[in-house]
C-alpha atoms as a PDB file:
ATOM      1  CA  MET A   1     121.668 124.259  88.587  1.00  0.00           C
ATOM      2  CA  SER A   2     123.336 123.249  91.917  1.00  0.00           C
ATOM      3  CA  PRO A   3     121.266 121.321  94.576  1.00  0.00           C
ATOM      4  CA  ALA A   4     121.046 124.342  96.516  1.00  0.00           C
ATOM      5  CA  ASP A   5     119.660 126.794  93.486  1.00  0.00           C
ATOM      6  CA  LYS A   6     116.861 124.511  92.788  1.00  0.00           C
ATOM      7  CA  PRO A   7     113.807 125.881  93.790  1.00  0.00           C
ATOM      8  CA  SER A   8     111.976 125.242  96.452  1.00  0.00           C
ATOM      9  CA  ILE A   9     109.421 122.902  96.344  1.00  0.00           C
ATOM     10  CA  ARG A  10     106.738 121.051  98.138  1.00  0.00           C
ATOM     11  CA  LYS A  11     107.244 117.076  97.691  1.00  0.00           C
ATOM     12  CA  LYS A  12     104.305 115.274  98.418  1.00  0.00           C
ATOM     13  CA  MET A  13     106.146 112.543 100.293  1.00  0.00           C
ATOM     14  CA  LEU A  14     107.586 113.990 103.107  1.00  0.00           C
ATOM     15  CA  ALA A  15     104.587 115.798 103.134  1.00  0.00           C
ATOM     16  CA  VAL A  16     102.611 112.763 103.540  1.00  0.00           C
ATOM     17  CA  LEU A  17     105.473 112.193 106.147  1.00  0.00           C
ATOM     18  CA  GLU A  18     104.435 114.919 108.555  1.00  0.00           C
ATOM     19  CA  GLY A  19     100.545 113.669 108.463  1.00  0.00           C
ATOM     20  CA  GLU A  20      99.063 115.241 105.739  1.00  0.00           C
ATOM     21  CA  THR A  21      96.702 113.333 103.803  1.00  0.00           C
ATOM     22  CA  PHE A  22      96.300 113.206  99.716  1.00  0.00           C
ATOM     23  CA  ALA A  23      93.329 111.847  97.796  1.00  0.00           C
ATOM     24  CA  SER A  24      96.297 110.854  95.532  1.00  0.00           C
ATOM     25  CA  PRO A  25      98.892 109.502  97.622  1.00  0.00           C
ATOM     26  CA  PRO A  26     102.867 109.779  96.884  1.00  0.00           C
ATOM     27  CA  LEU A  27     104.107 106.475  94.678  1.00  0.00           C
ATOM     28  CA  TRP A  28     107.086 104.762  93.728  1.00  0.00           C
ATOM     29  CA  LEU A  29     107.949 101.451  94.008  1.00  0.00           C
ATOM     30  CA  MET A  30     110.619  98.813  96.044  1.00  0.00           C
ATOM     31  CA  ARG A  31     113.226  97.745  92.990  1.00  0.00           C
ATOM     32  CA  GLN A  32     111.226 100.391  91.231  1.00  0.00           C
ATOM     33  CA  ALA A  33     115.130 100.787  89.252  1.00  0.00           C
ATOM     34  CA  GLY A  34     115.795  97.395  87.527  1.00  0.00           C
ATOM     35  CA  ARG A  35     115.090  93.822  85.740  1.00  0.00           C
ATOM     36  CA  TYR A  36     111.784  95.020  84.694  1.00  0.00           C
ATOM     37  CA  LEU A  37     113.357  97.432  83.059  1.00  0.00           C
ATOM     38  CA  PRO A  38     115.001  97.503  78.825  1.00  0.00           C
ATOM     39  CA  GLU A  39     116.987 100.666  79.868  1.00  0.00           C
ATOM     40  CA  TYR A  40     118.518  99.210  83.362  1.00  0.00           C
ATOM     41  CA  ARG A  41     119.088  95.628  81.520  1.00  0.00           C
ATOM     42  CA  GLU A  42     121.282  97.954  79.157  1.00  0.00           C
ATOM     43  CA  VAL A  43     123.093  99.001  81.433  1.00  0.00           C
ATOM     44  CA  ARG A  44     123.464  96.207  83.588  1.00  0.00           C
ATOM     45  CA  ALA A  45     124.933  94.253  80.756  1.00  0.00           C
ATOM     46  CA  THR A  46     127.725  96.450  80.457  1.00  0.00           C
ATOM     47  CA  ALA A  47     128.515  97.084  83.827  1.00  0.00           C
ATOM     48  CA  GLY A  48     130.666  93.699  85.133  1.00  0.00           C
ATOM     49  CA  SER A  49     128.840  92.152  88.311  1.00  0.00           C
ATOM     50  CA  PHE A  50     126.220  93.764  90.363  1.00  0.00           C
ATOM     51  CA  LEU A  51     128.390  95.050  92.977  1.00  0.00           C
ATOM     52  CA  ASP A  52     130.513  96.764  90.327  1.00  0.00           C
ATOM     53  CA  LEU A  53     127.490  98.375  89.114  1.00  0.00           C
ATOM     54  CA  CYS A  54     126.030  99.370  92.833  1.00  0.00           C
ATOM     55  CA  PHE A  55     129.985 100.601  93.322  1.00  0.00           C
ATOM     56  CA  ASN A  56     129.940 102.916  89.880  1.00  0.00           C
ATOM     57  CA  PRO A  57     128.588 106.112  90.323  1.00  0.00           C
ATOM     58  CA  ARG A  58     127.868 107.177  87.419  1.00  0.00           C
ATOM     59  CA  LEU A  59     125.914 103.888  86.118  1.00  0.00           C
ATOM     60  CA  ALA A  60     124.108 103.367  89.542  1.00  0.00           C
ATOM     61  CA  ALA A  61     122.880 107.002  89.794  1.00  0.00           C
ATOM     62  CA  GLU A  62     121.355 106.331  85.616  1.00  0.00           C
ATOM     63  CA  VAL A  63     119.652 103.339  86.962  1.00  0.00           C
ATOM     64  CA  THR A  64     118.387 105.309  89.716  1.00  0.00           C
ATOM     65  CA  LEU A  65     117.146 108.128  87.778  1.00  0.00           C
ATOM     66  CA  GLN A  66     115.643 105.925  85.111  1.00  0.00           C
ATOM     67  CA  PRO A  67     112.424 105.040  86.282  1.00  0.00           C
ATOM     68  CA  ILE A  68     111.364 108.654  87.393  1.00  0.00           C
ATOM     69  CA  ARG A  69     111.998 109.751  83.626  1.00  0.00           C
ATOM     70  CA  ARG A  70     110.154 107.091  82.540  1.00  0.00           C
ATOM     71  CA  PHE A  71     106.992 107.355  85.308  1.00  0.00           C
ATOM     72  CA  GLY A  72     107.288 110.149  87.164  1.00  0.00           C
ATOM     73  CA  PHE A  73     107.249 108.716  90.738  1.00  0.00           C
ATOM     74  CA  ASP A  74     106.759 110.864  93.463  1.00  0.00           C
ATOM     75  CA  ALA A  75     110.381 109.547  94.778  1.00  0.00           C
ATOM     76  CA  ALA A  76     113.632 107.886  93.656  1.00  0.00           C
ATOM     77  CA  ILE A  77     115.496 105.219  95.642  1.00  0.00           C
ATOM     78  CA  LEU A  78     119.752 105.329  95.820  1.00  0.00           C
ATOM     79  CA  PHE A  79     120.319 101.899  93.491  1.00  0.00           C
ATOM     80  CA  SER A  80     122.581  99.947  95.706  1.00  0.00           C
ATOM     81  CA  ASP A  81     122.430  96.796  97.867  1.00  0.00           C
ATOM     82  CA  ILE A  82     121.881  95.630 101.655  1.00  0.00           C
ATOM     83  CA  LEU A  83     124.943  93.834 101.613  1.00  0.00           C
ATOM     84  CA  VAL A  84     127.443  96.805 101.129  1.00  0.00           C
ATOM     85  CA  LEU A  85     127.624  97.270 104.505  1.00  0.00           C
ATOM     86  CA  PRO A  86     128.901  93.651 105.276  1.00  0.00           C
ATOM     87  CA  HIS A  87     131.804  94.869 102.652  1.00  0.00           C
ATOM     88  CA  ALA A  88     132.750  97.415 104.723  1.00  0.00           C
ATOM     89  CA  LEU A  89     133.002  95.500 107.414  1.00  0.00           C
ATOM     90  CA  GLY A  90     135.287  93.280 105.288  1.00  0.00           C
ATOM     91  CA  GLN A  91     133.537  90.220 104.655  1.00  0.00           C
ATOM     92  CA  LYS A  92     133.574  89.215 100.796  1.00  0.00           C
ATOM     93  CA  VAL A  93     130.510  89.749  99.233  1.00  0.00           C
ATOM     94  CA  SER A  94     129.372  88.502  95.351  1.00  0.00           C
ATOM     95  CA  PHE A  95     126.292  87.305  94.005  1.00  0.00           C
ATOM     96  CA  GLU A  96     125.924  83.927  91.504  1.00  0.00           C
ATOM     97  CA  GLU A  97     123.010  84.077  88.751  1.00  0.00           C
ATOM     98  CA  GLY A  98     120.507  82.205  89.663  1.00  0.00           C
ATOM     99  CA  TYR A  99     121.357  81.742  93.141  1.00  0.00           C
ATOM    100  CA  GLY A 100     121.721  85.277  94.955  1.00  0.00           C
ATOM    101  CA  PRO A 101     124.469  86.627  97.457  1.00  0.00           C
ATOM    102  CA  ARG A 102     127.680  84.704  98.493  1.00  0.00           C
ATOM    103  CA  LEU A 103     129.023  85.935 101.427  1.00  0.00           C
ATOM    104  CA  ALA A 104     132.416  84.790 102.720  1.00  0.00           C
ATOM    105  CA  PRO A 105     133.893  83.720 104.932  1.00  0.00           C
ATOM    106  CA  VAL A 106     131.260  82.747 107.072  1.00  0.00           C
ATOM    107  CA  LEU A 107     131.969  83.906 109.933  1.00  0.00           C
ATOM    108  CA  THR A 108     131.965  81.799 113.480  1.00  0.00           C
ATOM    109  CA  GLU A 109     131.651  82.616 117.077  1.00  0.00           C
ATOM    110  CA  THR A 110     135.520  82.976 116.900  1.00  0.00           C
ATOM    111  CA  THR A 111     135.547  85.569 114.201  1.00  0.00           C
ATOM    112  CA  ILE A 112     132.591  87.638 114.473  1.00  0.00           C
ATOM    113  CA  GLY A 113     135.650  89.804 116.023  1.00  0.00           C
ATOM    114  CA  ASP A 114     137.675  90.393 113.356  1.00  0.00           C
ATOM    115  CA  PHE A 115     134.739  92.261 111.240  1.00  0.00           C
ATOM    116  CA  ALA A 116     133.687  94.918 114.198  1.00  0.00           C
ATOM    117  CA  GLN A 117     135.610  97.987 112.283  1.00  0.00           C
ATOM    118  CA  PHE A 118     133.195  99.706 109.688  1.00  0.00           C
ATOM    119  CA  LYS A 119     135.335 101.642 107.261  1.00  0.00           C
ATOM    120  CA  LEU A 120     133.094 104.053 105.663  1.00  0.00           C
ATOM    121  CA  GLY A 121     135.982 104.958 102.878  1.00  0.00           C
ATOM    122  CA  ARG A 122     134.712 101.452 101.488  1.00  0.00           C
ATOM    123  CA  LEU A 123     131.088 102.753 100.355  1.00  0.00           C
ATOM    124  CA  SER A 124     132.711 106.390  98.949  1.00  0.00           C
ATOM    125  CA  PRO A 125     131.638 105.305  95.478  1.00  0.00           C
ATOM    126  CA  VAL A 126     128.026 105.308  96.904  1.00  0.00           C
ATOM    127  CA  LEU A 127     127.901 107.995  98.669  1.00  0.00           C
ATOM    128  CA  GLU A 128     129.296 109.576  95.031  1.00  0.00           C
ATOM    129  CA  THR A 129     126.373 107.787  93.499  1.00  0.00           C
ATOM    130  CA  VAL A 130     124.155 110.226  96.069  1.00  0.00           C
ATOM    131  CA  GLU A 131     125.406 113.074  94.991  1.00  0.00           C
ATOM    132  CA  LEU A 132     125.284 113.022  91.684  1.00  0.00           C
ATOM    133  CA  ILE A 133     121.589 111.677  91.664  1.00  0.00           C
ATOM    134  CA  LYS A 134     120.373 114.956  94.417  1.00  0.00           C
ATOM    135  CA  ALA A 135     121.842 116.690  91.599  1.00  0.00           C
ATOM    136  CA  ALA A 136     119.966 115.314  88.551  1.00  0.00           C
ATOM    137  CA  LEU A 137     116.470 114.618  90.569  1.00  0.00           C
ATOM    138  CA  PRO A 138     113.310 116.950  89.205  1.00  0.00           C
ATOM    139  CA  ALA A 139     113.077 119.449  92.515  1.00  0.00           C
ATOM    140  CA  GLU A 140     109.898 117.594  93.122  1.00  0.00           C
ATOM    141  CA  THR A 141     110.800 114.304  94.039  1.00  0.00           C
ATOM    142  CA  THR A 142     111.623 112.903  97.059  1.00  0.00           C
ATOM    143  CA  PHE A 143     114.940 111.035  97.406  1.00  0.00           C
ATOM    144  CA  ILE A 144     115.282 108.061  99.377  1.00  0.00           C
ATOM    145  CA  GLY A 145     118.254 106.143 101.099  1.00  0.00           C
ATOM    146  CA  PHE A 146     118.746 102.906 102.607  1.00  0.00           C
ATOM    147  CA  CYS A 147     120.172 100.123 104.404  1.00  0.00           C
ATOM    148  CA  GLY A 148     119.203  96.358 105.944  1.00  0.00           C
ATOM    149  CA  SER A 149     118.210  96.067 109.600  1.00  0.00           C
ATOM    150  CA  PRO A 150     120.933  94.590 111.084  1.00  0.00           C
ATOM    151  CA  TRP A 151     119.047  91.095 111.751  1.00  0.00           C
ATOM    152  CA  THR A 152     118.373  90.793 108.601  1.00  0.00           C
ATOM    153  CA  VAL A 153     121.987  91.607 107.214  1.00  0.00           C
ATOM    154  CA  ALA A 154     123.741  89.058 110.200  1.00  0.00           C
ATOM    155  CA  SER A 155     121.337  86.655 108.506  1.00  0.00           C
ATOM    156  CA  TYR A 156     123.509  86.855 105.582  1.00  0.00           C
ATOM    157  CA  MET A 157     126.689  87.313 107.578  1.00  0.00           C
ATOM    158  CA  ILE A 158     126.151  84.218 109.265  1.00  0.00           C
ATOM    159  CA  ALA A 159     124.864  82.238 106.890  1.00  0.00           C
ATOM    160  CA  GLY A 160     126.904  82.762 103.960  1.00  0.00           C
ATOM    161  CA  ALA A 161     124.242  83.290 101.818  1.00  0.00           C
ATOM    162  CA  GLY A 162     120.311  83.913 101.961  1.00  0.00           C
ATOM    163  CA  SER A 163     117.554  81.785 103.798  1.00  0.00           C
ATOM    164  CA  LYS A 164     114.352  80.846 103.664  1.00  0.00           C
ATOM    165  CA  ASP A 165     113.969  79.624 107.211  1.00  0.00           C
ATOM    166  CA  LEU A 166     116.466  81.705 108.706  1.00  0.00           C
ATOM    167  CA  ALA A 167     117.999  78.343 110.921  1.00  0.00           C
ATOM    168  CA  ALA A 168     121.931  78.876 110.365  1.00  0.00           C
ATOM    169  CA  VAL A 169     121.538  82.150 111.664  1.00  0.00           C
ATOM    170  CA  ARG A 170     118.409  81.294 115.224  1.00  0.00           C
ATOM    171  CA  LEU A 171     120.975  78.503 115.792  1.00  0.00           C
ATOM    172  CA  PHE A 172     124.035  80.456 115.880  1.00  0.00           C
ATOM    173  CA  ALA A 173     121.698  83.027 118.346  1.00  0.00           C
ATOM    174  CA  PHE A 174     120.939  80.215 120.589  1.00  0.00           C
ATOM    175  CA  ARG A 175     124.395  78.764 121.075  1.00  0.00           C
ATOM    176  CA  HIS A 176     126.880  81.979 120.847  1.00  0.00           C
ATOM    177  CA  PRO A 177     124.378  84.774 122.023  1.00  0.00           C
ATOM    178  CA  SER A 178     127.188  86.560 123.044  1.00  0.00           C
ATOM    179  CA  ALA A 179     128.823  86.343 119.477  1.00  0.00           C
ATOM    180  CA  PHE A 180     125.522  87.522 118.261  1.00  0.00           C
ATOM    181  CA  SER A 181     125.071  90.407 120.589  1.00  0.00           C
ATOM    182  CA  ARG A 182     128.426  91.751 118.929  1.00  0.00           C
ATOM    183  CA  LEU A 183     127.318  91.145 115.955  1.00  0.00           C
ATOM    184  CA  ILE A 184     124.197  93.043 116.094  1.00  0.00           C
ATOM    185  CA  ASP A 185     125.964  95.958 117.533  1.00  0.00           C
ATOM    186  CA  THR A 186     128.297  96.451 114.831  1.00  0.00           C
ATOM    187  CA  LEU A 187     125.320  96.016 112.856  1.00  0.00           C
ATOM    188  CA  VAL A 188     123.443  99.043 114.049  1.00  0.00           C
ATOM    189  CA  CYS A 189     126.659 101.185 115.486  1.00  0.00           C
ATOM    190  CA  ALA A 190     127.492 100.826 111.577  1.00  0.00           C
ATOM    191  CA  SER A 191     124.338 102.007 109.752  1.00  0.00           C
ATOM    192  CA  ILE A 192     123.898 104.510 111.964  1.00  0.00           C
ATOM    193  CA  ASP A 193     127.187 105.446 110.172  1.00  0.00           C
ATOM    194  CA  TYR A 194     126.495 104.787 107.087  1.00  0.00           C
ATOM    195  CA  LEU A 195     122.668 106.148 107.432  1.00  0.00           C
ATOM    196  CA  ALA A 196     123.884 109.462 108.290  1.00  0.00           C
ATOM    197  CA  ALA A 197     126.254 109.703 105.883  1.00  0.00           C
ATOM    198  CA  GLN A 198     123.763 109.581 103.046  1.00  0.00           C
ATOM    199  CA  ALA A 199     122.256 112.182 105.034  1.00  0.00           C
ATOM    200  CA  GLU A 200     124.952 114.433 105.000  1.00  0.00           C
ATOM    201  CA  SER A 201     125.520 113.757 100.587  1.00  0.00           C
ATOM    202  CA  GLY A 202     121.556 114.202 100.003  1.00  0.00           C
ATOM    203  CA  VAL A 203     119.020 112.187 101.009  1.00  0.00           C
ATOM    204  CA  GLU A 204     116.010 112.994 102.339  1.00  0.00           C
ATOM    205  CA  VAL A 205     114.377 109.994 103.810  1.00  0.00           C
ATOM    206  CA  VAL A 206     115.766 106.487 104.989  1.00  0.00           C
ATOM    207  CA  GLN A 207     113.782 102.786 104.483  1.00  0.00           C
ATOM    208  CA  ILE A 208     115.407 100.149 106.780  1.00  0.00           C
ATOM    209  CA  PHE A 209     114.608  96.881 104.835  1.00  0.00           C
ATOM    210  CA  ASP A 210     114.135  93.786 107.651  1.00  0.00           C
ATOM    211  CA  SER A 211     113.383  91.763 105.143  1.00  0.00           C
ATOM    212  CA  TRP A 212     113.513  88.455 107.346  1.00  0.00           C
ATOM    213  CA  ALA A 213     111.659  89.726 110.520  1.00  0.00           C
ATOM    214  CA  GLY A 214     108.372  87.393 109.651  1.00  0.00           C
ATOM    215  CA  LEU A 215     110.216  84.505 110.554  1.00  0.00           C
ATOM    216  CA  LEU A 216     110.909  85.207 114.513  1.00  0.00           C
ATOM    217  CA  PRO A 217     109.010  84.266 117.640  1.00  0.00           C
ATOM    218  CA  PRO A 218     107.539  87.623 119.383  1.00  0.00           C
ATOM    219  CA  ASP A 219     110.601  87.061 122.381  1.00  0.00           C
ATOM    220  CA  GLN A 220     113.710  87.077 119.260  1.00  0.00           C
ATOM    221  CA  PHE A 221     111.786  89.606 117.627  1.00  0.00           C
ATOM    222  CA  GLU A 222     112.537  91.477 120.169  1.00  0.00           C
ATOM    223  CA  ALA A 223     115.770  91.082 120.949  1.00  0.00           C
ATOM    224  CA  TRP A 224     117.259  90.911 117.077  1.00  0.00           C
ATOM    225  CA  CYS A 225     114.317  93.158 115.544  1.00  0.00           C
ATOM    226  CA  ILE A 226     112.789  95.793 118.225  1.00  0.00           C
ATOM    227  CA  GLU A 227     115.646  96.631 120.255  1.00  0.00           C
ATOM    228  CA  PRO A 228     118.068  96.770 117.192  1.00  0.00           C
ATOM    229  CA  THR A 229     116.161  99.211 115.705  1.00  0.00           C
ATOM    230  CA  VAL A 230     115.158 101.449 118.496  1.00  0.00           C
ATOM    231  CA  ARG A 231     119.135 101.966 118.843  1.00  0.00           C
ATOM    232  CA  LEU A 232     119.606 102.563 115.418  1.00  0.00           C
ATOM    233  CA  VAL A 233     116.747 104.668 115.028  1.00  0.00           C
ATOM    234  CA  GLU A 234     116.923 107.139 118.124  1.00  0.00           C
ATOM    235  CA  GLY A 235     121.310 106.690 116.748  1.00  0.00           C
ATOM    236  CA  LEU A 236     120.415 108.928 113.663  1.00  0.00           C
ATOM    237  CA  ARG A 237     117.964 110.973 114.878  1.00  0.00           C
ATOM    238  CA  ALA A 238     120.795 112.226 116.783  1.00  0.00           C
ATOM    239  CA  ARG A 239     123.050 112.643 114.337  1.00  0.00           C
ATOM    240  CA  ALA A 240     120.688 113.304 111.390  1.00  0.00           C
ATOM    241  CA  PRO A 241     117.514 115.136 113.158  1.00  0.00           C
ATOM    242  CA  ASP A 242     115.718 116.434 109.985  1.00  0.00           C
ATOM    243  CA  LEU A 243     116.052 112.853 107.890  1.00  0.00           C
ATOM    244  CA  LYS A 244     112.758 111.358 107.634  1.00  0.00           C
ATOM    245  CA  ILE A 245     112.679 107.123 108.590  1.00  0.00           C
ATOM    246  CA  ILE A 246     110.485 104.376 107.515  1.00  0.00           C
ATOM    247  CA  CYS A 247     111.200 101.021 108.546  1.00  0.00           C
ATOM    248  CA  PHE A 248     109.875  97.811 107.408  1.00  0.00           C
ATOM    249  CA  PRO A 249     109.326  94.875 109.261  1.00  0.00           C
ATOM    250  CA  ARG A 250     108.594  92.505 106.657  1.00  0.00           C
ATOM    251  CA  GLU A 251     105.430  90.432 107.629  1.00  0.00           C
ATOM    252  CA  ALA A 252     106.237  90.689 111.199  1.00  0.00           C
ATOM    253  CA  GLY A 253     101.576  90.227 111.833  1.00  0.00           C
ATOM    254  CA  SER A 254     100.541  90.681 115.079  1.00  0.00           C
ATOM    255  CA  LYS A 255     104.073  91.969 116.192  1.00  0.00           C
ATOM    256  CA  LEU A 256     103.977  94.503 114.350  1.00  0.00           C
ATOM    257  CA  GLN A 257     101.891  97.134 117.213  1.00  0.00           C
ATOM    258  CA  SER A 258     105.233  96.398 119.965  1.00  0.00           C
ATOM    259  CA  PHE A 259     107.407  97.275 117.118  1.00  0.00           C
ATOM    260  CA  ALA A 260     105.861 100.509 115.704  1.00  0.00           C
ATOM    261  CA  LYS A 261     104.984 101.802 119.763  1.00  0.00           C
ATOM    262  CA  ARG A 262     108.838 101.334 120.301  1.00  0.00           C
ATOM    263  CA  VAL A 263     110.185 102.332 117.326  1.00  0.00           C
ATOM    264  CA  ARG A 264     108.662 105.369 116.357  1.00  0.00           C
ATOM    265  CA  ALA A 265     110.050 105.904 113.215  1.00  0.00           C
ATOM    266  CA  ASP A 266     108.131 107.732 110.762  1.00  0.00           C
ATOM    267  CA  GLY A 267     106.739 105.818 108.533  1.00  0.00           C
ATOM    268  CA  LEU A 268     105.566 102.053 108.680  1.00  0.00           C
ATOM    269  CA  ALA A 269     106.237  99.515 105.555  1.00  0.00           C
ATOM    270  CA  LEU A 270     103.305  96.659 105.363  1.00  0.00           C
ATOM    271  CA  GLY A 271     104.228  93.444 103.363  1.00  0.00           C
ATOM    272  CA  THR A 272     101.872  92.118 100.995  1.00  0.00           C
ATOM    273  CA  ALA A 273     100.189  89.375 103.628  1.00  0.00           C
ATOM    274  CA  GLU A 274      99.461  92.299 105.728  1.00  0.00           C
ATOM    275  CA  ASP A 275      95.559  92.939 106.320  1.00  0.00           C
ATOM    276  CA  VAL A 276      95.394  96.592 106.469  1.00  0.00           C
ATOM    277  CA  GLY A 277      91.942  96.610 109.039  1.00  0.00           C
ATOM    278  CA  VAL A 278      93.780  94.554 111.318  1.00  0.00           C
ATOM    279  CA  VAL A 279      96.833  96.898 111.432  1.00  0.00           C
ATOM    280  CA  ARG A 280      94.146  99.684 111.842  1.00  0.00           C
ATOM    281  CA  SER A 281      93.358  98.675 114.485  1.00  0.00           C
ATOM    282  CA  GLN A 282      96.017  98.154 116.263  1.00  0.00           C
ATOM    283  CA  LEU A 283      97.985 101.042 115.169  1.00  0.00           C
ATOM    284  CA  GLY A 284      95.201 103.361 114.936  1.00  0.00           C
ATOM    285  CA  PHE A 285      95.762 106.844 112.840  1.00  0.00           C
ATOM    286  CA  ASP A 286      99.122 108.066 114.784  1.00  0.00           C
ATOM    287  CA  VAL A 287     101.495 106.127 111.820  1.00  0.00           C
ATOM    288  CA  VAL A 288     101.818 107.052 108.621  1.00  0.00           C
ATOM    289  CA  LEU A 289     101.979 103.467 106.048  1.00  0.00           C
ATOM    290  CA  GLN A 290     103.505 101.958 103.034  1.00  0.00           C
ATOM    291  CA  GLY A 291     102.528  99.667 101.001  1.00  0.00           C
ATOM    292  CA  ASN A 292     100.814  97.359 100.251  1.00  0.00           C
ATOM    293  CA  LEU A 293      99.900  96.120  96.617  1.00  0.00           C
ATOM    294  CA  ASP A 294     100.773  92.554  95.795  1.00  0.00           C
ATOM    295  CA  PRO A 295     103.682  92.478  93.508  1.00  0.00           C
ATOM    296  CA  LEU A 296     102.126  89.654  91.708  1.00  0.00           C
ATOM    297  CA  SER A 297      98.965  91.647  90.804  1.00  0.00           C
ATOM    298  CA  LEU A 298     100.872  93.358  89.168  1.00  0.00           C
ATOM    299  CA  VAL A 299     102.310  91.483  86.819  1.00  0.00           C
ATOM    300  CA  ALA A 300      99.394  89.759  86.302  1.00  0.00           C
ATOM    301  CA  GLY A 301      97.446  93.694  85.802  1.00  0.00           C
ATOM    302  CA  GLY A 302      93.595  93.777  83.871  1.00  0.00           C
ATOM    303  CA  GLN A 303      91.402  93.496  86.320  1.00  0.00           C
ATOM    304  CA  ALA A 304      93.550  91.862  89.480  1.00  0.00           C
ATOM    305  CA  LEU A 305      96.037  95.439  88.818  1.00  0.00           C
ATOM    306  CA  GLU A 306      91.701  97.024  89.163  1.00  0.00           C
ATOM    307  CA  ASP A 307      90.704  95.457  92.056  1.00  0.00           C
ATOM    308  CA  GLY A 308      94.226  95.269  94.060  1.00  0.00           C
ATOM    309  CA  VAL A 309      94.809  98.974  93.724  1.00  0.00           C
ATOM    310  CA  ARG A 310      91.045  99.794  94.629  1.00  0.00           C
ATOM    311  CA  ARG A 311      91.310  97.774  97.461  1.00  0.00           C
ATOM    312  CA  VAL A 312      94.553  99.698  99.171  1.00  0.00           C
ATOM    313  CA  ARG A 313      93.159 103.085  98.319  1.00  0.00           C
ATOM    314  CA  GLU A 314      89.926 102.357  99.879  1.00  0.00           C
ATOM    315  CA  ALA A 315      91.625 100.672 102.597  1.00  0.00           C
ATOM    316  CA  PHE A 316      93.695 103.950 103.194  1.00  0.00           C
ATOM    317  CA  ALA A 317      91.485 106.332 102.342  1.00  0.00           C
ATOM    318  CA  GLY A 318      91.293 110.099 104.428  1.00  0.00           C
ATOM    319  CA  VAL A 319      94.218 108.847 105.848  1.00  0.00           C
ATOM    320  CA  PRO A 320      98.366 109.392 105.729  1.00  0.00           C
ATOM    321  CA  HIS A 321      99.505 106.968 103.300  1.00  0.00           C
ATOM    322  CA  ILE A 322     102.771 106.226 100.564  1.00  0.00           C
ATOM    323  CA  PHE A 323     101.077 104.206  98.019  1.00  0.00           C
ATOM    324  CA  ASN A 324     103.693 100.800  97.088  1.00  0.00           C
ATOM    325  CA  LEU A 325     104.108  97.337  96.841  1.00  0.00           C
ATOM    326  CA  GLY A 326     104.511  94.770  99.316  1.00  0.00           C
ATOM    327  CA  HIS A 327     107.801  93.986  98.097  1.00  0.00           C
ATOM    328  CA  GLY A 328     109.883  94.930  95.464  1.00  0.00           C
ATOM    329  CA  ILE A 329     108.220  94.816  91.698  1.00  0.00           C
ATOM    330  CA  LEU A 330     109.426  91.213  90.071  1.00  0.00           C
ATOM    331  CA  PRO A 331     111.925  91.059  87.095  1.00  0.00           C
ATOM    332  CA  GLU A 332     108.241  89.848  84.608  1.00  0.00           C
ATOM    333  CA  THR A 333     106.331  92.926  85.549  1.00  0.00           C
ATOM    334  CA  PRO A 334     104.717  94.513  82.239  1.00  0.00           C
ATOM    335  CA  ILE A 335     105.828  97.870  81.790  1.00  0.00           C
ATOM    336  CA  SER A 336     102.195  98.866  81.073  1.00  0.00           C
ATOM    337  CA  HIS A 337     100.950  97.585  84.106  1.00  0.00           C
ATOM    338  CA  VAL A 338     103.354  99.715  85.352  1.00  0.00           C
ATOM    339  CA  GLU A 339     101.910 102.414  83.802  1.00  0.00           C
ATOM    340  CA  ARG A 340      98.795 101.788  84.146  1.00  0.00           C
ATOM    341  CA  LEU A 341      99.299 101.930  88.313  1.00  0.00           C
ATOM    342  CA  VAL A 342     100.461 105.089  87.575  1.00  0.00           C
ATOM    343  CA  GLN A 343      97.172 105.975  86.207  1.00  0.00           C
ATOM    344  CA  LEU A 344      95.322 104.551  88.831  1.00  0.00           C
ATOM    345  CA  VAL A 345      96.696 105.940  91.452  1.00  0.00           C
ATOM    346  CA  ARG A 346      96.355 109.613  90.748  1.00  0.00           C
ATOM    347  CA  THR A 347      93.525 109.832  89.747  1.00  0.00           C
ATOM    348  CA  ASN A 348      91.644 110.472  92.673  1.00  0.00           C
END
């Protein structure tokens, strides 16, 4: 049966993003396809490198679908990585076991212009993956695509690796603001093209991951987080008006209010450290929120998990809410704890 032939079924997550409230909220988990699953580890062992897995449509579709088969989550998120975008811009991207991503060459003021030409064709395997997943998903399951925010992706491109304090990219932005602005502009345009192509291939929602938003002071947050994301969201809506957009400015704290007011996404994902009561007092009830169970409580299980789920459910009672973690699921998470989480969330 082709996607067009599937019966029309009301999707809980899409309904919430339209403002509807449910006694038991829709549930999905960031990094729900990953190393905590034995079936994922089995596929990963045969795939070659991490990027080989991301660019293998058959295998990437398989690992995307694994947590849907096992847990019946309300949404599937495309298995890929935010750093496929630098790859499509011509930067070499690799992942080292125990270290993380490596990007080369590290960008300088004079070489940034060499990476301004976005080649969507380099991401055609990802779009093929989207088509395979779309054809295989249960009719009631929402399909999520994603990209990294311009700020977060730029941080990897400038530093050549991950960073705990983002000193390299922040210094670069101070010293070379014009060059850094050119890189951000390139990433805004490339992200619009990439997410619009995901929508054309079958995703219904996209999440923009700004993993390092919380490290920026207010003036830089405005310049490098809010303003580029506003342009990204507005440009994407012009290209894909039916697409729902969730933004995740992780641990933005007191800056969330200005982000929500300016960006006007369909949903806002909250990091683990965000106080839901404070966020609600700032934003009111006009913004659909997603989150924000501590991933470590899911690892711990038992009373910690029970209490954590209860706190999240109570904090969002009576308002549109998508249940998720405040960050990605950890590799050491026991399967039985995820099964218990599903039971707890789906108990009215």
